[in-house]
C-alpha atoms as a PDB file:
ATOM      1  CA  MET A   1      -0.154  -0.337   0.278  1.00  0.00           C
ATOM      2  CA  GLN A   2       1.353   2.936  -0.584  1.00  0.00           C
ATOM      3  CA  ALA A   3       1.977   5.524   2.358  1.00  0.00           C
ATOM      4  CA  ILE A   4      -1.003   9.006   2.591  1.00  0.00           C
ATOM      5  CA  LYS A   5       0.556  11.955   1.838  1.00  0.00           C
ATOM      6  CA  PRO A   6      -0.773  14.448   4.139  1.00  0.00           C
ATOM      7  CA  VAL A   7      -3.380  17.433   3.031  1.00  0.00           C
ATOM      8  CA  THR A   8      -1.098  20.332   1.955  1.00  0.00           C
ATOM      9  CA  LYS A   9      -2.905  23.066   0.024  1.00  0.00           C
ATOM     10  CA  PRO A  10      -4.692  25.193   0.951  1.00  0.00           C
ATOM     11  CA  THR A  11      -8.267  24.615  -1.385  1.00  0.00           C
ATOM     12  CA  LYS A  12      -7.242  20.463   0.276  1.00  0.00           C
ATOM     13  CA  GLN A  13      -7.657  21.633   3.574  1.00  0.00           C
ATOM     14  CA  ARG A  14     -10.963  23.282   3.630  1.00  0.00           C
ATOM     15  CA  LYS A  15     -12.311  20.940   2.431  1.00  0.00           C
ATOM     16  CA  MET A  16     -11.602  18.492   4.785  1.00  0.00           C
ATOM     17  CA  LEU A  17     -12.548  21.248   7.513  1.00  0.00           C
ATOM     18  CA  TYR A  18     -15.690  22.365   5.263  1.00  0.00           C
ATOM     19  CA  GLN A  19     -16.112  18.271   5.239  1.00  0.00           C
ATOM     20  CA  ALA A  20     -14.934  16.755   8.640  1.00  0.00           C
ATOM     21  CA  PRO A  21     -17.021  14.358  10.465  1.00  0.00           C
ATOM     22  CA  ASP A  22     -18.313  15.139  13.629  1.00  0.00           C
ATOM     23  CA  HIS A  23     -16.102  12.853  16.178  1.00  0.00           C
ATOM     24  CA  ILE A  24     -12.867  15.103  14.334  1.00  0.00           C
ATOM     25  CA  ARG A  25     -14.985  18.259  14.416  1.00  0.00           C
ATOM     26  CA  TYR A  26     -14.970  18.000  18.031  1.00  0.00           C
ATOM     27  CA  LYS A  27     -10.859  17.166  18.255  1.00  0.00           C
ATOM     28  CA  LEU A  28     -11.000  20.400  16.707  1.00  0.00           C
ATOM     29  CA  PHE A  29     -12.409  22.322  19.254  1.00  0.00           C
ATOM     30  CA  ALA A  30      -9.416  22.119  22.031  1.00  0.00           C
ATOM     31  CA  ALA A  31      -8.380  24.415  24.050  1.00  0.00           C
ATOM     32  CA  PRO A  32      -5.733  24.563  26.340  1.00  0.00           C
ATOM     33  CA  LEU A  33      -6.035  24.690  29.984  1.00  0.00           C
ATOM     34  CA  SER A  34      -4.294  27.451  32.291  1.00  0.00           C
ATOM     35  CA  PRO A  35      -1.928  26.011  34.527  1.00  0.00           C
ATOM     36  CA  GLU A  36      -3.909  25.566  37.255  1.00  0.00           C
ATOM     37  CA  LEU A  37      -6.022  22.910  35.708  1.00  0.00           C
ATOM     38  CA  ARG A  38      -2.705  22.742  34.121  1.00  0.00           C
ATOM     39  CA  THR A  39      -1.072  21.085  37.696  1.00  0.00           C
ATOM     40  CA  SER A  40      -4.391  19.681  39.781  1.00  0.00           C
ATOM     41  CA  ASN A  41      -5.024  17.645  35.942  1.00  0.00           C
ATOM     42  CA  GLY A  42      -1.946  16.584  34.607  1.00  0.00           C
ATOM     43  CA  VAL A  43      -3.863  17.984  31.360  1.00  0.00           C
ATOM     44  CA  LYS A  44      -2.582  20.147  29.118  1.00  0.00           C
ATOM     45  CA  THR A  45      -5.705  20.475  26.051  1.00  0.00           C
ATOM     46  CA  LEU A  46      -9.375  19.663  26.549  1.00  0.00           C
ATOM     47  CA  PRO A  47     -11.886  20.775  23.682  1.00  0.00           C
ATOM     48  CA  VAL A  48     -14.464  23.090  25.222  1.00  0.00           C
ATOM     49  CA  ARG A  49     -18.222  22.413  26.063  1.00  0.00           C
ATOM     50  CA  SER A  50     -21.112  24.172  26.928  1.00  0.00           C
ATOM     51  CA  GLY A  51     -20.432  25.037  30.829  1.00  0.00           C
ATOM     52  CA  ASP A  52     -16.613  25.423  30.855  1.00  0.00           C
ATOM     53  CA  SER A  53     -16.000  28.803  32.289  1.00  0.00           C
ATOM     54  CA  VAL A  54     -13.868  30.432  29.506  1.00  0.00           C
ATOM     55  CA  ARG A  55     -10.938  34.009  28.714  1.00  0.00           C
ATOM     56  CA  ILE A  56     -10.489  34.785  25.907  1.00  0.00           C
ATOM     57  CA  MET A  57      -6.781  35.191  25.413  1.00  0.00           C
ATOM     58  CA  ARG A  58      -6.973  37.232  20.879  1.00  0.00           C
ATOM     59  CA  GLY A  59      -8.717  39.930  19.673  1.00  0.00           C
ATOM     60  CA  ASP A  60     -10.586  42.613  20.698  1.00  0.00           C
ATOM     61  CA  ARG A  61     -12.719  41.154  23.455  1.00  0.00           C
ATOM     62  CA  LYS A  62      -9.183  39.769  24.935  1.00  0.00           C
ATOM     63  CA  GLY A  63      -9.083  39.214  29.116  1.00  0.00           C
ATOM     64  CA  PHE A  64     -13.017  39.374  29.598  1.00  0.00           C
ATOM     65  CA  GLU A  65     -14.142  35.966  31.346  1.00  0.00           C
ATOM     66  CA  GLY A  66     -17.633  33.743  31.119  1.00  0.00           C
ATOM     67  CA  LYS A  67     -19.252  30.709  30.845  1.00  0.00           C
ATOM     68  CA  ILE A  68     -19.940  29.198  26.834  1.00  0.00           C
ATOM     69  CA  ALA A  69     -23.181  29.215  26.104  1.00  0.00           C
ATOM     70  CA  ARG A  70     -23.738  27.416  23.590  1.00  0.00           C
ATOM     71  CA  ILE A  71     -21.093  25.459  21.161  1.00  0.00           C
ATOM     72  CA  ASP A  72     -21.439  25.462  17.069  1.00  0.00           C
ATOM     73  CA  ARG A  73     -19.405  22.609  15.928  1.00  0.00           C
ATOM     74  CA  LYS A  74     -20.599  23.740  11.918  1.00  0.00           C
ATOM     75  CA  LYS A  75     -19.445  26.608  11.873  1.00  0.00           C
ATOM     76  CA  TYR A  76     -16.217  25.854  14.327  1.00  0.00           C
ATOM     77  CA  ARG A  77     -17.076  28.942  17.195  1.00  0.00           C
ATOM     78  CA  ILE A  78     -18.292  29.361  20.897  1.00  0.00           C
ATOM     79  CA  TYR A  79     -20.648  31.755  22.272  1.00  0.00           C
ATOM     80  CA  VAL A  80     -19.993  32.980  25.531  1.00  0.00           C
ATOM     81  CA  GLU A  81     -22.399  34.654  28.009  1.00  0.00           C
ATOM     82  CA  GLY A  82     -22.193  38.198  28.025  1.00  0.00           C
ATOM     83  CA  LEU A  83     -20.012  38.539  25.337  1.00  0.00           C
ATOM     84  CA  THR A  84     -22.697  40.387  22.872  1.00  0.00           C
ATOM     85  CA  ARG A  85     -23.579  42.940  20.715  1.00  0.00           C
ATOM     86  CA  GLU A  86     -25.501  45.305  19.124  1.00  0.00           C
ATOM     87  CA  LYS A  87     -27.018  44.735  15.514  1.00  0.00           C
ATOM     88  CA  VAL A  88     -27.729  48.911  14.025  1.00  0.00           C
ATOM     89  CA  ASP A  89     -32.095  47.344  14.364  1.00  0.00           C
ATOM     90  CA  GLY A  90     -30.561  47.877  18.379  1.00  0.00           C
ATOM     91  CA  THR A  91     -31.132  43.499  18.674  1.00  0.00           C
ATOM     92  CA  THR A  92     -28.124  42.112  20.850  1.00  0.00           C
ATOM     93  CA  ILE A  93     -26.093  39.129  19.431  1.00  0.00           C
ATOM     94  CA  PHE A  94     -23.479  36.585  20.709  1.00  0.00           C
ATOM     95  CA  VAL A  95     -19.919  37.284  19.480  1.00  0.00           C
ATOM     96  CA  PRO A  96     -18.669  33.707  17.328  1.00  0.00           C
ATOM     97  CA  MET A  97     -15.169  33.497  19.211  1.00  0.00           C
ATOM     98  CA  HIS A  98     -13.198  30.157  17.715  1.00  0.00           C
ATOM     99  CA  PRO A  99     -12.286  28.022  20.664  1.00  0.00           C
ATOM    100  CA  SER A 100      -8.218  28.923  19.576  1.00  0.00           C
ATOM    101  CA  LYS A 101      -8.531  32.102  21.114  1.00  0.00           C
ATOM    102  CA  VAL A 102      -9.229  30.725  24.351  1.00  0.00           C
ATOM    103  CA  MET A 103      -8.362  29.712  28.314  1.00  0.00           C
ATOM    104  CA  ILE A 104     -10.509  27.823  29.763  1.00  0.00           C
ATOM    105  CA  THR A 105     -10.485  28.677  33.021  1.00  0.00           C
ATOM    106  CA  ARG A 106     -13.071  26.291  35.138  1.00  0.00           C
ATOM    107  CA  LEU A 107     -14.331  22.687  33.289  1.00  0.00           C
ATOM    108  CA  ASN A 108     -17.548  21.417  33.596  1.00  0.00           C
ATOM    109  CA  LEU A 109     -17.533  17.774  34.886  1.00  0.00           C
ATOM    110  CA  ASP A 110     -21.052  17.085  34.700  1.00  0.00           C
ATOM    111  CA  ASP A 111     -20.362  14.634  32.326  1.00  0.00           C
ATOM    112  CA  LYS A 112     -19.051  10.973  34.114  1.00  0.00           C
ATOM    113  CA  TRP A 113     -17.047  10.449  30.596  1.00  0.00           C
ATOM    114  CA  ARG A 114     -15.667  13.288  30.039  1.00  0.00           C
ATOM    115  CA  LYS A 115     -14.184  12.798  33.899  1.00  0.00           C
ATOM    116  CA  LYS A 116     -13.305   9.230  32.193  1.00  0.00           C
ATOM    117  CA  ILE A 117     -11.547  10.942  28.772  1.00  0.00           C
ATOM    118  CA  LEU A 118      -9.135  12.916  32.193  1.00  0.00           C
ATOM    119  CA  GLU A 119      -9.081  10.382  33.484  1.00  0.00           C
ATOM    120  CA  LYS A 120      -6.936   8.522  30.781  1.00  0.00           C
ATOM    121  CA  LYS A 121      -5.719  11.540  29.535  1.00  0.00           C
ATOM    122  CA  LYS A 122      -3.587  11.516  33.113  1.00  0.00           C
ATOM    123  CA  VAL A 123      -2.200   7.778  32.458  1.00  0.00           C
ATOM    124  CA  ALA A 124      -1.361   8.126  28.915  1.00  0.00           C
ATOM    125  CA  ARG A 125       0.899  11.518  29.795  1.00  0.00           C
ATOM    126  CA  ARG A 126       2.617  10.320  32.634  1.00  0.00           C
ATOM    127  CA  LYS A 127       3.404   6.842  30.676  1.00  0.00           C
ATOM    128  CA  VAL A 128       4.726   9.456  28.662  1.00  0.00           C
ATOM    129  CA  GLU A 129       6.919  11.543  31.037  1.00  0.00           C
ATOM    130  CA  GLU A 130       8.142   7.801  31.969  1.00  0.00           C
ATOM    131  CA  VAL A 131      10.148   6.937  29.121  1.00  0.00           C
ATOM    132  CA  ALA A 132      11.229  10.529  28.387  1.00  0.00           C
ATOM    133  CA  GLU A 133      12.729  10.073  32.003  1.00  0.00           C
ATOM    134  CA  LYS A 134      13.876   6.500  32.011  1.00  0.00           C
ATOM    135  CA  PRO A 135      15.315   4.800  29.082  1.00  0.00           C
ATOM    136  CA  PRO A 136      13.651   0.828  28.419  1.00  0.00           C
ATOM    137  CA  LYS A 137      16.297  -1.267  30.133  1.00  0.00           C
ATOM    138  CA  GLU A 138      17.201  -3.294  26.823  1.00  0.00           C
ATOM    139  CA  VAL A 139      19.022  -0.127  25.214  1.00  0.00           C
ATOM    140  CA  VAL A 140      20.826   0.924  28.913  1.00  0.00           C
ATOM    141  CA  GLU A 141      21.825  -2.993  28.910  1.00  0.00           C
ATOM    142  CA  ILE A 142      23.038  -2.199  25.395  1.00  0.00           C
ATOM    143  CA  LYS A 143      24.652   0.992  25.537  1.00  0.00           C
ATOM    144  CA  GLU A 144      26.950  -0.613  28.121  1.00  0.00           C
ATOM    145  CA  GLU A 145      27.796  -3.947  25.760  1.00  0.00           C
ATOM    146  CA  ALA A 146      28.957  -0.991  23.683  1.00  0.00           C
ATOM    147  CA  VAL A 147      31.038   0.939  25.893  1.00  0.00           C
ATOM    148  CA  GLU A 148      32.972  -2.476  27.207  1.00  0.00           C
ATOM    149  CA  GLU A 149      33.438  -3.043  24.003  1.00  0.00           C
ATOM    150  CA  LYS A 150      36.535  -1.394  23.423  1.00  0.00           C
ATOM    151  CA  PRO A 151      38.258  -0.948  20.279  1.00  0.00           C
ATOM    152  CA  PRO A 152      41.067  -2.967  18.906  1.00  0.00           C
ATOM    153  CA  GLU A 153      44.568  -0.683  19.570  1.00  0.00           C
ATOM    154  CA  LYS A 154      45.657   0.191  16.471  1.00  0.00           C
ATOM    155  CA  LYS A 155      49.285  -1.326  16.777  1.00  0.00           C
ATOM    156  CA  PRO A 156      51.798   0.687  15.740  1.00  0.00           C
ATOM    157  CA  LYS A 157      54.046   0.275  12.443  1.00  0.00           C
ATOM    158  CA  ARG A 158      57.040  -1.339  12.864  1.00  0.00           C
ATOM    159  CA  ARG A 159      59.837   0.991  10.785  1.00  0.00           C
ATOM    160  CA  LYS A 160      62.493  -2.483   8.654  1.00  0.00           C
ATOM    161  CA  LYS A 161      65.570  -2.520  10.124  1.00  0.00           C
ATOM    162  CA  LYS A 162      68.645  -2.417   8.398  1.00  0.00           C
ATOM    163  CA  VAL A 163      70.627  -5.266   7.093  1.00  0.00           C
ATOM    164  CA  ALA A 164      73.971  -4.069   7.916  1.00  0.00           C
ATOM    165  CA  LYS A 165      76.041  -5.542   4.838  1.00  0.00           C
ATOM    166  CA  LYS A 166      78.708  -8.909   5.408  1.00  0.00           C
ATOM    167  CA  PRO A 167      82.738  -8.088   5.847  1.00  0.00           C
ATOM    168  CA  PRO A 168      82.915 -10.185   1.701  1.00  0.00           C
ATOM    169  CA  THR A 169      84.632 -13.379   2.072  1.00  0.00           C
ATOM    170  CA  LYS A 170      88.149 -14.698   1.185  1.00  0.00           C
ATOM    171  CA  ALA A 171      86.561 -16.916  -1.222  1.00  0.00           C
ATOM    172  CA  LYS A 172      84.472 -13.101  -2.970  1.00  0.00           C
ATOM    173  CA  GLU A 173      87.421 -10.740  -3.240  1.00  0.00           C
ATOM    174  CA  LYS A 174      89.203 -13.267  -5.373  1.00  0.00           C
ATOM    175  CA  ALA A 175      86.432 -13.612  -7.869  1.00  0.00           C
ATOM    176  CA  GLU A 176      85.949 -10.007  -7.953  1.00  0.00           C
ATOM    177  CA  GLU A 177      89.756  -9.248  -8.335  1.00  0.00           C
ATOM    178  CA  VAL A 178      89.628 -11.971 -11.495  1.00  0.00           C
ATOM    179  CA  LYS A 179      86.640 -10.605 -13.332  1.00  0.00           C
ATOM    180  CA  LYS A 180      88.509  -7.480 -13.270  1.00  0.00           C
ATOM    181  CA  GLU A 181      91.637  -8.928 -14.488  1.00  0.00           C
ATOM    182  CA  ARG A 182      89.295 -10.243 -17.140  1.00  0.00           C
ATOM    183  CA  LYS A 183      88.973  -7.029 -18.949  1.00  0.00           C
ATOM    184  CA  PRO A 184      86.915  -7.581 -23.055  1.00  0.00           C
ATOM    185  CA  LYS A 185      89.535  -5.356 -25.024  1.00  0.00           C
ATOM    186  CA  ALA A 186      88.643  -2.820 -26.586  1.00  0.00           C
ATOM    187  CA  LYS A 187      87.016  -3.462 -30.118  1.00  0.00           C
ATOM    188  CA  LYS A 188      88.511  -0.430 -32.462  1.00  0.00           C
ATOM    189  CA  THR A 189      86.249   1.325 -34.879  1.00  0.00           C
ATOM    190  CA  LYS A 190      86.394   1.903 -38.298  1.00  0.00           C
ATOM    191  CA  ALA A 191      86.673   4.826 -38.273  1.00  0.00           C
ATOM    192  CA  LYS A 192      90.279   3.958 -36.010  1.00  0.00           C
ATOM    193  CA  SER A 193      91.646   1.570 -38.409  1.00  0.00           C
ATOM    194  CA  LYS A 194      92.020   3.595 -41.669  1.00  0.00           C
ATOM    195  CA  THR A 195      93.292   6.343 -40.283  1.00  0.00           C
ATOM    196  CA  VAL A 196      95.398   3.268 -39.006  1.00  0.00           C
ATOM    197  CA  GLU A 197      95.837   2.824 -42.387  1.00  0.00           C
ATOM    198  CA  GLU A 198      96.313   5.762 -44.326  1.00  0.00           C
ATOM    199  CA  THR A 199      99.271   6.326 -41.724  1.00  0.00           C
ATOM    200  CA  LYS A 200     101.483   3.182 -42.579  1.00  0.00           C
ATOM    201  CA  GLY A 201     100.208   4.586 -46.331  1.00  0.00           C
ATOM    202  CA  GLY A 202     102.309   7.655 -46.074  1.00  0.00           C
ATOM    203  CA  THR A 203     104.850   6.500 -44.760  1.00  0.00           C
END
């Protein structure tokens, strides 16, 4: 099977958002928890629900706090109590807010399923932290073995010793002398022989 390529084009990303099923839309509503909730629950993010208290972190209404009144999964927007504006005709309406611009300050734990989700996330995070702190035993053993096995030390290259020449024996000396005595006679060249003949003829 071919590996699934990640979605890169903006048109495809938008299409994925618009056509996403409900269980994926639920995950896209995740918002960060406040530092106090993080320490108490051991969780960084959770999908927002109606009844959660929320603080707006970005935009014109930054710093506003209130309860979530309604969630619109079709438009990816949440509506906070007290966060309203007046229309031209005088009617007041909720200002829609994207969940990424919000931080959860208090969780609504009326739902037992949400409590179970929190517990699961806690356990999963603990396991990840334990693995990060202590590497598995097999890896440690392999490392120890690798430390024990020292690489073979390179032996220094031996220099070749110069062999001292043995003094020549008497037999060898005699053979060399005989060779010197028996030098081959130099052959007369043609030019030399001609000059010799001319000198003879002239005299």
